[in-house]
């Protein structure tokens, strides 16, 4: 089984919060394709990274789905769609193998 995590920012590069409809759209996309999801949206996570000589931080929400296999071309296209919607240079989408107990 594969666990896919999508890290979405709460604010754009100017500090403005994204509209809730964007997250609703992502939720609907994932529900339609995978039949379920987990969203960590109540208490945002903090994602610091180094850019040049500066440390930057995003407050993020995380959406997760589980799937038996990864359709890489679909995920690549979907990640690009998210990058356009959220006006980001890069949206992190990562996958892990998991064993159900």
Foldseek 3Di string as FASTA:
>chain_A
DKKKKWKAFQAAPVRHGDDVVVVVVVQVVCCVVQVDKDKQPPAWDKDWDDDPNDIDITGIMMIMGDDPDDPVVVVVVVQVVSCVSRVHPGIDMDMDDDDDD
